[in-house]
Amino acid sequence: MRRLFNFRRKKDLDAGYGRSELAIDAFPTQSPEHDLYCYRRQHGVNLGSWFVLERWISEAPFRFAAEPGQSDLDVARGSRAKEVLMEHWDTWVTESDFKWLAEHGVNTVRIPIGYYHLCGADASVLQNTDFRGFARVFEGAWTRIVNAVEIAQRFQIGVLFDLHAAPGKQNRDAHSGTSASHPAFFNASNFQLMIRVLRILVTQLLSLRSSHSPPLNNVVGVELLNEPQPPAHDVLRVWYLNVIRELRSLDPGLPIYIADCWQTEEYTEFIHSFTPSPSLIALDHHLYRCFTASDISTPASLHASSLSDPNASVPRMFAQSAEKLESAGGALVIGEWSGALNPGSLHGALDERQERVRYVQAQLALYEQHCAGWFFWTYKKEQPGDQGWSFRDAVKWGVLPSHFGLKPVKDFRGDPGDQHERKASLKQDALGRHASHWAQYPGYYEHWRFEQGFNQGWDDAYLFLTSSLSTENSASELGFKGSWAKRKTQDHIRVTASNSNIWEFEHGFKQGVDAAKVDFQRIFC
């Protein structure tokens, strides 16, 4: 595959990592179907404890595990491990689950996997690791992972692969593959092994797109590491740069997700140093309010209000980071969140369910305003009834809405004439406001670029909104607007052979996208 970009270092920063500029020859072109999956707004769910096991979610796979019985390695070291895992992989999530998710407007799933789950594609990933000798136990995982992608595509559901467990483990939790107390991932040997693991994964995913019948176009990206706890962030950022370079050489159009380590502003600046990236780099933030002493002592109502007040710290941080990421062609994504609250936050509440509903509604409103996607943790638990952690139970009991996304109530596939008239009218209104505003500041403008940007934004937004195969599905809203706008801006520069006043095209594009969404909601939803 021809390389469509160059990776070069611009200058050294005091922080210890290079400010890297991606010099763009051309934005990578994927199939229209793949673009739709990757760039639409994601209303998602984590398929927790399917491949990377967590005992608090699913107890059964641990029934023969070796002590302390908390991690995948403990299961592998126990008795009947292969039998137990194959049974679990085949029953925990099935086709009926994907059907249920699609019916409720979930359009993407995040699937946590460990590096050892790739041994069925390449057994060498286990060499010199904690999982060496366990290829027989885990070799069946890869065919089931591919099967999950196939099933998801049948229901128009995208798949984000999350590397939840790295060699040596990247955080202290048992969901990083082993029950060891300290992360040992952060050394040169494991760094190189993990890059090779990711190269194997991306190569396999490319094969699914190019040679599988039908092509599997619904993999929306790869998250490089889940919740890493590095000894120093400079070390992690340098590794991120190396991984991005490697994976871009394989698939320039692959969306890459990186964890913010709860240092959102710092990693926003890191992504912003790509000016802009030739394809999507998303920043993954996880938001929970049930673990710390401060969380426990804060009433549920205050948790909700602190997420609803635009002047509060988290909404303000989200707004600033999202804007900066969009300007660099990136995006903010919530890779994990839940409705879980500590009992201390619900103490004295007259209606615990209603307090949880308000907390969930505050989160959803915040994410819809500033984020390109979100993924609830987790899809279900073995023991039913947990309205805070189990997506299915939260939907069943009304803590979560019964449907997500824009739901058309009438057919949107036969409206070309009226839509053109509405677009023309709204464009003239927006152009008038734009020209009037800038008339206050004497200078050289090219307002025709704003007009072309508005047209492009409207047309692209409607292309996404009307792309579903039937009105049974939620409309696919353009979610990663910053990255998509950068691509269209580059197209505009090539056509016009000029980049003067290109900001006017970008302003028009964003207003066109927003106007199209409002129009679609008003007419069809």
Protein backbone atom coordinates (compact mmCIF):
# COMPACT_ATOMS: atom_id res chain seq x y z
CA MET A 1 0.00 0.00 0.00
CA ARG A 2 1.40 3.40 -1.00
CA ARG A 3 2.28 5.64 1.94
CA LEU A 4 0.11 8.74 1.81
CA PHE A 5 1.95 10.75 4.43
CA ASN A 6 5.33 11.53 5.90
CA PHE A 7 6.12 11.49 9.62
CA ARG A 8 8.73 14.09 10.57
CA ARG A 9 9.87 15.75 13.75
CA LYS A 10 9.35 19.51 13.84
CA LYS A 11 11.19 20.55 16.99
CA ASP A 12 11.99 19.22 20.43
CA LEU A 13 9.79 20.20 23.32
CA ASP A 14 10.77 20.59 26.93
CA ALA A 15 8.30 17.84 27.81
CA GLY A 16 10.67 15.31 26.34
CA TYR A 17 8.75 14.21 23.28
CA GLY A 18 8.87 15.56 19.77
CA ARG A 19 6.27 17.92 18.42
CA SER A 20 5.49 15.86 15.34
CA GLU A 21 3.99 17.18 12.18
CA LEU A 22 2.24 14.86 9.78
CA ALA A 23 2.99 16.30 6.36
CA ILE A 24 -0.05 15.47 4.27
CA ASP A 25 0.32 14.40 0.66
CA ALA A 26 -3.32 13.32 0.61
CA PHE A 27 -5.92 12.26 3.10
CA PRO A 28 -6.33 8.47 2.89
CA THR A 29 -9.38 7.29 1.00
CA GLN A 30 -11.43 4.36 2.27
CA SER A 31 -14.57 2.81 0.90
CA PRO A 32 -17.71 4.92 1.47
CA GLU A 33 -19.11 2.20 3.73
CA HIS A 34 -15.97 2.12 5.86
CA ASP A 35 -15.99 5.92 6.13
CA LEU A 36 -19.60 5.80 7.30
CA TYR A 37 -18.80 3.38 10.11
CA CYS A 38 -15.67 5.26 11.21
CA TYR A 39 -16.92 8.86 11.14
CA ARG A 40 -20.52 8.64 12.31
CA ARG A 41 -21.43 9.54 15.89
CA GLN A 42 -20.98 6.47 18.08
CA HIS A 43 -23.65 5.41 20.54
CA GLY A 44 -21.84 2.44 21.95
CA VAL A 45 -21.52 -0.27 24.55
CA ASN A 46 -18.49 -2.15 25.88
CA LEU A 47 -18.75 -5.93 25.55
CA GLY A 48 -17.02 -6.36 28.88
CA SER A 49 -15.84 -9.74 30.16
CA TRP A 50 -16.30 -11.46 26.79
CA PHE A 51 -12.64 -11.98 25.93
CA VAL A 52 -10.83 -10.11 28.71
CA LEU A 53 -12.56 -11.55 31.78
CA GLU A 54 -13.60 -9.63 34.90
CA ARG A 55 -14.90 -11.69 37.78
CA TRP A 56 -17.28 -9.02 39.10
CA ILE A 57 -19.06 -9.12 35.73
CA SER A 58 -19.01 -12.86 34.94
CA GLU A 59 -18.24 -15.32 37.71
CA ALA A 60 -18.68 -18.61 35.82
CA PRO A 61 -15.41 -18.61 33.81
CA PHE A 62 -13.44 -18.46 37.08
CA ARG A 63 -14.91 -21.61 38.63
CA PHE A 64 -11.73 -23.67 37.98
CA ALA A 65 -9.22 -20.80 38.04
CA ALA A 66 -5.94 -20.94 39.95
CA GLU A 67 -5.49 -18.59 42.89
CA PRO A 68 -6.10 -15.71 43.29
CA GLY A 69 -8.72 -16.31 40.60
CA GLN A 70 -9.11 -12.77 39.27
CA SER A 71 -7.50 -12.63 35.83
CA ASP A 72 -7.27 -14.36 32.46
CA LEU A 73 -3.92 -15.84 33.41
CA ASP A 74 -5.46 -17.34 36.56
CA VAL A 75 -8.11 -19.01 34.41
CA ALA A 76 -5.46 -20.29 31.99
CA ARG A 77 -3.42 -21.73 34.88
CA GLY A 78 -6.46 -23.50 36.33
CA SER A 79 -8.09 -26.72 35.21
CA ARG A 80 -10.32 -27.20 32.14
CA ALA A 81 -9.32 -23.71 30.93
CA LYS A 82 -9.78 -24.30 27.19
CA GLU A 83 -13.19 -25.89 27.71
CA VAL A 84 -14.34 -23.13 30.06
CA LEU A 85 -13.21 -20.31 27.78
CA MET A 86 -14.66 -21.74 24.58
CA GLU A 87 -18.01 -22.23 26.31
CA HIS A 88 -17.91 -18.65 27.61
CA TRP A 89 -16.84 -17.11 24.28
CA ASP A 90 -19.67 -18.93 22.50
CA THR A 91 -22.43 -17.97 24.92
CA TRP A 92 -21.65 -14.65 26.63
CA VAL A 93 -22.48 -12.54 23.54
CA THR A 94 -24.40 -14.07 20.62
CA GLU A 95 -26.17 -12.90 17.49
CA SER A 96 -29.33 -12.19 19.48
CA ASP A 97 -27.38 -9.68 21.58
CA PHE A 98 -26.23 -7.76 18.50
CA LYS A 99 -29.83 -7.76 17.25
CA TRP A 100 -31.03 -6.35 20.58
CA LEU A 101 -28.36 -3.65 20.54
CA ALA A 102 -29.25 -2.57 17.00
CA GLU A 103 -32.93 -2.41 17.90
CA HIS A 104 -32.08 0.03 20.70
CA GLY A 105 -29.98 2.35 18.54
CA VAL A 106 -26.52 1.13 19.56
CA ASN A 107 -24.38 1.49 16.44
CA THR A 108 -20.88 0.60 17.74
CA VAL A 109 -19.37 -1.81 20.25
CA ARG A 110 -16.01 -1.59 22.00
CA ILE A 111 -14.49 -5.05 22.38
CA PRO A 112 -11.70 -5.40 24.97
CA ILE A 113 -9.10 -8.00 23.97
CA GLY A 114 -5.70 -9.05 25.29
CA TYR A 115 -2.55 -9.57 23.22
CA TYR A 116 -2.81 -13.30 23.97
CA HIS A 117 -6.16 -13.48 22.15
CA LEU A 118 -4.21 -12.98 18.91
CA CYS A 119 -2.24 -16.20 19.29
CA GLY A 120 -4.69 -17.93 16.95
CA ALA A 121 -3.52 -15.53 14.23
CA ASP A 122 0.18 -15.66 15.24
CA ALA A 123 1.29 -17.92 18.10
CA SER A 124 4.60 -16.05 18.46
CA VAL A 125 2.89 -13.22 20.39
CA LEU A 126 3.09 -15.40 23.51
CA GLN A 127 6.87 -15.91 23.42
CA ASN A 128 8.70 -14.56 26.49
CA THR A 129 5.45 -13.42 28.12
CA ASP A 130 3.38 -14.48 31.13
CA PHE A 131 1.13 -16.43 28.74
CA ARG A 132 3.84 -18.55 27.10
CA GLY A 133 2.72 -22.16 26.92
CA PHE A 134 -0.97 -21.28 26.83
CA ALA A 135 -1.46 -21.09 23.05
CA ARG A 136 -3.74 -24.12 23.17
CA VAL A 137 -5.99 -22.35 25.68
CA PHE A 138 -6.39 -19.12 23.73
CA GLU A 139 -5.95 -20.16 20.10
CA GLY A 140 -9.71 -20.35 19.53
CA ALA A 141 -10.29 -16.71 20.42
CA TRP A 142 -9.29 -15.17 17.09
CA THR A 143 -11.86 -17.04 14.97
CA ARG A 144 -14.55 -15.95 17.42
CA ILE A 145 -13.33 -12.33 17.29
CA VAL A 146 -13.62 -12.41 13.49
CA ASN A 147 -17.06 -13.93 13.84
CA ALA A 148 -18.06 -11.07 16.14
CA VAL A 149 -17.09 -8.55 13.44
CA GLU A 150 -19.11 -10.48 10.86
CA ILE A 151 -22.21 -10.58 13.05
CA ALA A 152 -21.88 -6.91 13.97
CA GLN A 153 -21.76 -5.89 10.31
CA ARG A 154 -24.97 -7.78 9.59
CA PHE A 155 -26.65 -5.41 12.03
CA GLN A 156 -24.76 -2.30 10.80
CA ILE A 157 -22.82 -2.14 14.07
CA GLY A 158 -19.23 -0.89 14.09
CA VAL A 159 -16.44 -2.49 16.14
CA LEU A 160 -13.71 -0.67 18.07
CA PHE A 161 -10.94 -3.01 19.23
CA ASP A 162 -9.51 -2.05 22.61
CA LEU A 163 -6.16 -3.55 23.66
CA HIS A 164 -7.15 -4.10 27.25
CA ALA A 165 -4.20 -6.27 28.27
CA ALA A 166 -0.59 -5.68 27.18
CA PRO A 167 2.52 -7.83 27.82
CA GLY A 168 3.52 -7.34 31.45
CA LYS A 169 0.22 -5.47 32.02
CA GLN A 170 -0.07 -1.70 31.67
CA ASN A 171 -1.94 -0.99 34.91
CA ARG A 172 -2.46 -2.54 38.32
CA ASP A 173 -5.87 -4.08 37.64
CA ALA A 174 -6.57 -7.75 37.00
CA HIS A 175 -8.39 -6.82 33.78
CA SER A 176 -4.93 -6.19 32.29
CA GLY A 177 -4.46 -9.94 31.99
CA THR A 178 -2.71 -11.02 35.20
CA SER A 179 -3.16 -10.67 38.95
CA ALA A 180 0.34 -9.21 39.44
CA SER A 181 0.30 -6.14 41.66
CA HIS A 182 2.46 -3.81 39.55
CA PRO A 183 2.54 -3.01 35.83
CA ALA A 184 5.67 -4.23 34.05
CA PHE A 185 4.75 -3.22 30.50
CA PHE A 186 6.86 -0.08 30.33
CA ASN A 187 10.20 -1.35 29.03
CA ALA A 188 11.80 -1.55 25.59
CA SER A 189 11.16 -5.26 25.12
CA ASN A 190 7.43 -5.05 25.85
CA PHE A 191 7.12 -1.84 23.83
CA GLN A 192 8.45 -3.62 20.75
CA LEU A 193 6.37 -6.73 21.36
CA MET A 194 3.21 -4.65 21.69
CA ILE A 195 3.97 -2.84 18.45
CA ARG A 196 4.30 -6.24 16.78
CA VAL A 197 1.00 -7.33 18.35
CA LEU A 198 -0.71 -4.23 16.97
CA ARG A 199 0.85 -4.75 13.55
CA ILE A 200 -0.51 -8.32 13.53
CA LEU A 201 -3.95 -7.07 14.53
CA VAL A 202 -4.04 -4.33 11.89
CA THR A 203 -2.76 -6.70 9.19
CA GLN A 204 -5.52 -9.15 10.05
CA LEU A 205 -8.12 -6.38 9.99
CA LEU A 206 -6.88 -5.20 6.59
CA SER A 207 -7.32 -8.73 5.31
CA LEU A 208 -10.91 -8.76 6.53
CA ARG A 209 -11.55 -5.58 4.51
CA SER A 210 -9.77 -6.66 1.35
CA SER A 211 -10.23 -10.41 1.00
CA HIS A 212 -13.16 -11.39 3.20
CA SER A 213 -16.44 -12.04 1.44
CA PRO A 214 -18.29 -9.81 1.94
CA PRO A 215 -15.61 -7.24 2.91
CA LEU A 216 -15.81 -6.37 6.60
CA ASN A 217 -15.88 -2.56 6.59
CA ASN A 218 -17.21 -2.06 10.11
CA VAL A 219 -13.99 -1.95 12.17
CA VAL A 220 -13.96 1.70 13.26
CA GLY A 221 -10.51 1.75 14.85
CA VAL A 222 -8.01 0.34 17.31
CA GLU A 223 -7.34 1.63 20.81
CA LEU A 224 -3.64 1.17 21.54
CA LEU A 225 -3.84 0.63 25.32
CA ASN A 226 -6.60 0.67 27.89
CA GLU A 227 -6.01 2.86 30.96
CA PRO A 228 -2.21 2.78 30.98
CA GLN A 229 -0.42 3.85 34.16
CA PRO A 230 3.04 4.88 32.90
CA PRO A 231 5.91 5.72 35.24
CA ALA A 232 6.29 8.92 33.21
CA HIS A 233 3.97 10.30 30.55
CA ASP A 234 6.88 11.23 28.28
CA VAL A 235 7.66 7.52 27.96
CA LEU A 236 4.10 6.72 26.91
CA ARG A 237 3.87 9.59 24.45
CA VAL A 238 7.07 8.54 22.68
CA TRP A 239 5.70 5.00 22.44
CA TYR A 240 2.41 6.36 21.05
CA LEU A 241 4.36 8.21 18.35
CA ASN A 242 6.25 5.07 17.40
CA VAL A 243 3.06 3.01 17.23
CA ILE A 244 1.25 5.59 15.14
CA ARG A 245 4.19 5.65 12.70
CA GLU A 246 4.16 1.85 12.42
CA LEU A 247 0.41 1.48 11.99
CA ARG A 248 0.15 4.34 9.50
CA SER A 249 2.66 2.48 7.31
CA LEU A 250 0.21 -0.43 7.19
CA ASP A 251 -3.13 1.39 6.99
CA PRO A 252 -3.01 5.19 6.64
CA GLY A 253 -6.76 5.44 7.05
CA LEU A 254 -7.10 3.47 10.28
CA PRO A 255 -8.63 5.56 13.10
CA ILE A 256 -6.41 5.29 16.18
CA TYR A 257 -7.67 5.82 19.73
CA ILE A 258 -5.35 6.70 22.59
CA ALA A 259 -6.12 6.81 26.32
CA ASP A 260 -5.75 10.14 28.10
CA CYS A 261 -4.62 8.57 31.43
CA TRP A 262 -7.03 11.08 33.04
CA GLN A 263 -4.67 13.84 31.88
CA THR A 264 -7.07 15.14 29.25
CA GLU A 265 -5.59 18.58 28.65
CA GLU A 266 -2.06 17.18 28.38
CA TYR A 267 -2.98 14.53 25.84
CA THR A 268 -5.16 17.00 23.94
CA GLU A 269 -2.01 19.07 23.43
CA PHE A 270 -0.18 15.92 22.36
CA ILE A 271 -2.74 15.15 19.62
CA HIS A 272 -2.89 18.82 18.66
CA SER A 273 0.82 18.58 17.81
CA PHE A 274 -0.23 16.64 14.70
CA THR A 275 -1.08 19.54 12.41
CA PRO A 276 -3.34 17.96 11.20
CA SER A 277 -3.26 14.16 11.21
CA PRO A 278 -3.95 12.53 7.84
CA SER A 279 -6.63 10.42 9.49
CA LEU A 280 -8.51 10.29 12.71
CA ILE A 281 -6.79 10.20 16.10
CA ALA A 282 -9.33 10.10 18.94
CA LEU A 283 -8.67 10.79 22.60
CA ASP A 284 -10.40 8.35 24.96
CA HIS A 285 -11.52 9.60 28.37
CA HIS A 286 -13.17 7.39 31.01
CA LEU A 287 -15.61 9.04 33.41
CA TYR A 288 -16.70 7.37 36.64
CA ARG A 289 -17.95 8.95 39.86
CA CYS A 290 -18.06 6.07 42.33
CA PHE A 291 -14.52 5.16 43.38
CA THR A 292 -12.74 7.98 45.21
CA ALA A 293 -13.41 9.35 48.70
CA SER A 294 -14.62 12.55 47.07
CA ASP A 295 -17.03 10.59 44.85
CA ILE A 296 -18.47 8.75 47.84
CA SER A 297 -19.05 11.90 49.89
CA THR A 298 -20.70 13.79 47.01
CA PRO A 299 -24.51 13.42 46.71
CA ALA A 300 -25.83 12.10 43.42
CA SER A 301 -27.58 15.41 42.74
CA LEU A 302 -24.26 17.26 42.92
CA HIS A 303 -22.60 14.72 40.63
CA ALA A 304 -25.34 15.45 38.08
CA SER A 305 -25.23 19.23 38.49
CA SER A 306 -21.44 19.33 38.20
CA LEU A 307 -21.75 17.68 34.79
CA SER A 308 -24.62 19.94 33.69
CA ASP A 309 -23.11 23.30 34.59
CA PRO A 310 -21.07 24.58 31.62
CA ASN A 311 -18.91 26.60 34.01
CA ALA A 312 -17.99 23.57 36.14
CA SER A 313 -14.55 22.05 35.71
CA VAL A 314 -15.43 18.91 33.72
CA PRO A 315 -17.81 20.51 31.17
CA ARG A 316 -15.36 23.37 30.71
CA MET A 317 -12.50 20.94 30.18
CA PHE A 318 -14.58 18.88 27.73
CA ALA A 319 -15.51 22.00 25.75
CA GLN A 320 -11.93 23.23 25.52
CA SER A 321 -10.42 19.84 24.68
CA ALA A 322 -13.10 18.96 22.13
CA GLU A 323 -12.64 22.28 20.33
CA LYS A 324 -8.85 21.94 20.24
CA LEU A 325 -9.00 18.32 19.11
CA GLU A 326 -11.46 19.16 16.33
CA SER A 327 -9.20 21.95 15.10
CA ALA A 328 -6.43 19.34 14.70
CA GLY A 329 -8.74 16.84 13.00
CA GLY A 330 -9.15 14.73 16.13
CA ALA A 331 -12.01 14.11 18.53
CA LEU A 332 -12.91 13.42 22.14
CA VAL A 333 -14.55 10.05 22.85
CA ILE A 334 -15.82 8.59 26.12
CA GLY A 335 -14.58 5.03 25.98
CA GLU A 336 -16.12 4.06 29.32
CA TRP A 337 -18.83 5.50 31.55
CA SER A 338 -21.72 4.14 33.60
CA GLY A 339 -24.69 4.96 35.75
CA ALA A 340 -22.96 3.56 38.82
CA LEU A 341 -22.98 5.62 42.00
CA ASN A 342 -21.51 4.68 45.36
CA PRO A 343 -24.14 4.05 48.08
CA GLY A 344 -22.68 7.07 49.88
CA SER A 345 -23.84 9.30 47.02
CA LEU A 346 -27.37 7.91 47.29
CA HIS A 347 -27.61 8.09 51.08
CA GLY A 348 -30.79 9.90 52.04
CA ALA A 349 -32.13 10.06 48.47
CA LEU A 350 -35.93 9.89 48.36
CA ASP A 351 -35.88 8.14 44.98
CA GLU A 352 -32.60 6.39 44.19
CA ARG A 353 -33.68 5.41 40.69
CA GLN A 354 -34.61 8.97 39.80
CA GLU A 355 -31.29 10.27 41.13
CA ARG A 356 -29.52 7.76 38.92
CA VAL A 357 -31.65 8.80 35.93
CA ARG A 358 -30.68 12.46 36.43
CA TYR A 359 -27.02 11.49 36.71
CA VAL A 360 -27.19 9.45 33.49
CA GLN A 361 -29.08 12.21 31.66
CA ALA A 362 -26.44 14.76 32.67
CA GLN A 363 -23.71 12.53 31.26
CA LEU A 364 -25.51 11.86 27.99
CA ALA A 365 -26.19 15.56 27.43
CA LEU A 366 -22.53 16.40 28.07
CA TYR A 367 -21.27 13.67 25.73
CA GLU A 368 -23.69 14.55 22.95
CA GLN A 369 -22.60 18.19 23.12
CA HIS A 370 -18.84 17.73 23.06
CA CYS A 371 -17.93 14.15 22.10
CA ALA A 372 -17.93 12.22 18.85
CA GLY A 373 -18.93 9.02 20.60
CA TRP A 374 -19.42 7.19 23.89
CA PHE A 375 -19.39 3.58 25.14
CA PHE A 376 -21.28 2.48 28.27
CA TRP A 377 -19.53 0.03 30.58
CA THR A 378 -20.76 -2.67 30.39
CA TYR A 379 -23.29 -4.52 28.21
CA LYS A 380 -24.47 -6.95 30.89
CA LYS A 381 -23.57 -8.79 34.09
CA GLU A 382 -23.97 -12.45 34.91
CA GLN A 383 -26.13 -11.56 37.91
CA PRO A 384 -29.01 -9.42 36.58
CA GLY A 385 -30.45 -6.31 38.15
CA ASP A 386 -27.50 -3.88 38.33
CA GLN A 387 -28.96 -0.65 36.93
CA GLY A 388 -25.68 1.21 37.32
CA TRP A 389 -23.27 -1.10 35.49
CA SER A 390 -25.43 -3.30 33.25
CA PHE A 391 -26.61 -1.58 30.06
CA ARG A 392 -29.40 -4.10 29.51
CA ASP A 393 -30.72 -3.69 33.04
CA ALA A 394 -30.45 0.10 32.91
CA VAL A 395 -32.51 0.13 29.70
CA LYS A 396 -35.01 -2.36 31.13
CA TRP A 397 -35.63 -0.25 34.24
CA GLY A 398 -35.69 3.10 32.46
CA VAL A 399 -32.41 4.42 33.86
CA LEU A 400 -31.16 4.64 30.27
CA PRO A 401 -33.34 5.62 27.30
CA SER A 402 -34.87 2.77 25.32
CA HIS A 403 -33.36 4.07 22.08
CA PHE A 404 -30.31 6.13 21.11
CA GLY A 405 -29.62 8.39 18.18
CA LEU A 406 -31.90 10.19 15.74
CA LYS A 407 -34.91 7.97 15.06
CA PRO A 408 -36.78 8.88 11.84
CA VAL A 409 -40.54 8.54 12.06
CA LYS A 410 -41.10 8.79 8.31
CA ASP A 411 -39.25 7.75 5.17
CA PHE A 412 -36.35 10.09 4.38
CA ARG A 413 -35.38 8.54 1.05
CA GLY A 414 -37.59 10.53 -1.34
CA ASP A 415 -36.98 14.20 -0.54
CA PRO A 416 -34.39 15.60 -3.00
CA GLY A 417 -36.35 18.61 -4.29
CA ASP A 418 -37.61 20.02 -1.00
CA GLN A 419 -34.25 19.44 0.65
CA HIS A 420 -32.46 21.52 -2.00
CA GLU A 421 -34.88 24.38 -1.45
CA ARG A 422 -34.45 24.26 2.32
CA LYS A 423 -30.67 24.14 1.96
CA ALA A 424 -30.64 27.16 -0.36
CA SER A 425 -32.77 29.22 2.01
CA LEU A 426 -30.78 28.33 5.13
CA LYS A 427 -27.50 28.87 3.30
CA GLN A 428 -28.49 32.41 2.31
CA ASP A 429 -29.44 33.20 5.90
CA ALA A 430 -26.12 31.86 7.21
CA LEU A 431 -24.14 33.63 4.50
CA GLY A 432 -25.86 36.91 5.30
CA ARG A 433 -24.98 36.61 8.99
CA HIS A 434 -21.40 35.65 8.14
CA ALA A 435 -20.89 38.58 5.76
CA SER A 436 -22.56 41.04 8.13
CA HIS A 437 -20.36 39.99 11.03
CA TRP A 438 -17.07 40.30 9.14
CA ALA A 439 -18.08 43.59 7.54
CA GLN A 440 -17.29 45.10 10.95
CA TYR A 441 -13.63 44.22 10.39
CA PRO A 442 -12.25 45.68 7.15
CA GLY A 443 -10.14 43.21 5.22
CA TYR A 444 -9.96 40.88 2.26
CA TYR A 445 -12.56 38.10 2.37
CA GLU A 446 -13.79 35.40 0.03
CA HIS A 447 -17.32 34.72 1.22
CA TRP A 448 -17.88 32.35 -1.71
CA ARG A 449 -15.70 29.91 0.22
CA PHE A 450 -18.14 30.07 3.15
CA GLU A 451 -20.95 29.32 0.71
CA GLN A 452 -19.15 26.33 -0.76
CA GLY A 453 -18.29 25.08 2.73
CA PHE A 454 -21.94 25.32 3.79
CA ASN A 455 -23.03 23.33 0.73
CA GLN A 456 -20.39 20.68 1.37
CA GLY A 457 -21.24 20.41 5.06
CA TRP A 458 -24.96 20.12 4.41
CA ASP A 459 -24.52 17.51 1.66
CA ASP A 460 -22.11 15.40 3.72
CA ALA A 461 -24.31 15.58 6.82
CA TYR A 462 -27.33 14.41 4.81
CA LEU A 463 -25.23 11.67 3.21
CA PHE A 464 -24.59 10.27 6.68
CA LEU A 465 -28.13 10.89 7.95
CA THR A 466 -29.77 9.04 5.06
CA SER A 467 -27.25 6.21 4.76
CA SER A 468 -29.16 3.64 6.82
CA LEU A 469 -30.62 0.85 4.77
CA SER A 470 -34.07 1.30 6.26
CA THR A 471 -36.03 3.60 8.54
CA GLU A 472 -35.87 0.86 11.17
CA ASN A 473 -32.37 2.04 12.11
CA SER A 474 -31.22 5.20 13.79
CA ALA A 475 -29.89 7.81 11.42
CA SER A 476 -26.10 7.90 11.16
CA GLU A 477 -25.09 11.38 12.25
CA LEU A 478 -21.67 12.74 11.25
CA GLY A 479 -19.84 12.67 14.57
CA PHE A 480 -16.13 13.16 13.88
CA LYS A 481 -16.70 16.56 12.31
CA GLY A 482 -13.19 17.93 12.81
CA SER A 483 -11.42 15.11 10.99
CA TRP A 484 -14.03 15.00 8.24
CA ALA A 485 -13.86 18.78 7.79
CA LYS A 486 -10.06 18.63 7.40
CA ARG A 487 -10.46 16.05 4.64
CA LYS A 488 -13.00 18.18 2.79
CA THR A 489 -10.92 21.31 3.28
CA GLN A 490 -7.96 19.62 1.60
CA ASP A 491 -10.23 18.65 -1.31
CA HIS A 492 -11.39 22.27 -1.56
CA ILE A 493 -7.80 23.57 -1.60
CA ARG A 494 -6.84 21.16 -4.39
CA VAL A 495 -9.85 22.15 -6.52
CA THR A 496 -9.42 25.89 -6.02
CA ALA A 497 -5.59 25.76 -6.12
CA SER A 498 -5.51 28.23 -3.24
CA ASN A 499 -5.62 28.17 0.52
CA SER A 500 -6.35 31.85 1.12
CA ASN A 501 -9.19 32.50 3.55
CA ILE A 502 -9.63 28.76 3.92
CA TRP A 503 -11.08 29.43 7.36
CA GLU A 504 -14.22 30.70 5.63
CA PHE A 505 -14.75 27.31 4.00
CA GLU A 506 -14.31 25.60 7.38
CA HIS A 507 -16.76 27.97 9.09
CA GLY A 508 -19.31 27.36 6.36
CA PHE A 509 -18.78 23.61 6.50
CA LYS A 510 -19.49 23.40 10.23
CA GLN A 511 -22.59 25.58 9.93
CA GLY A 512 -23.84 23.46 7.04
CA VAL A 513 -23.45 20.27 9.07
CA ASP A 514 -25.31 21.75 12.04
CA ALA A 515 -28.09 23.18 9.86
CA ALA A 516 -28.61 19.83 8.13
CA LYS A 517 -28.99 18.00 11.45
CA VAL A 518 -31.59 20.49 12.69
CA ASP A 519 -33.42 20.24 9.36
CA PHE A 520 -33.42 16.44 9.41
CA GLN A 521 -34.74 16.34 12.97
CA ARG A 522 -37.50 18.82 12.15
CA ILE A 523 -38.63 17.10 8.97
CA PHE A 524 -38.14 13.40 9.66
CA CYS A 525 -37.86 12.71 13.41
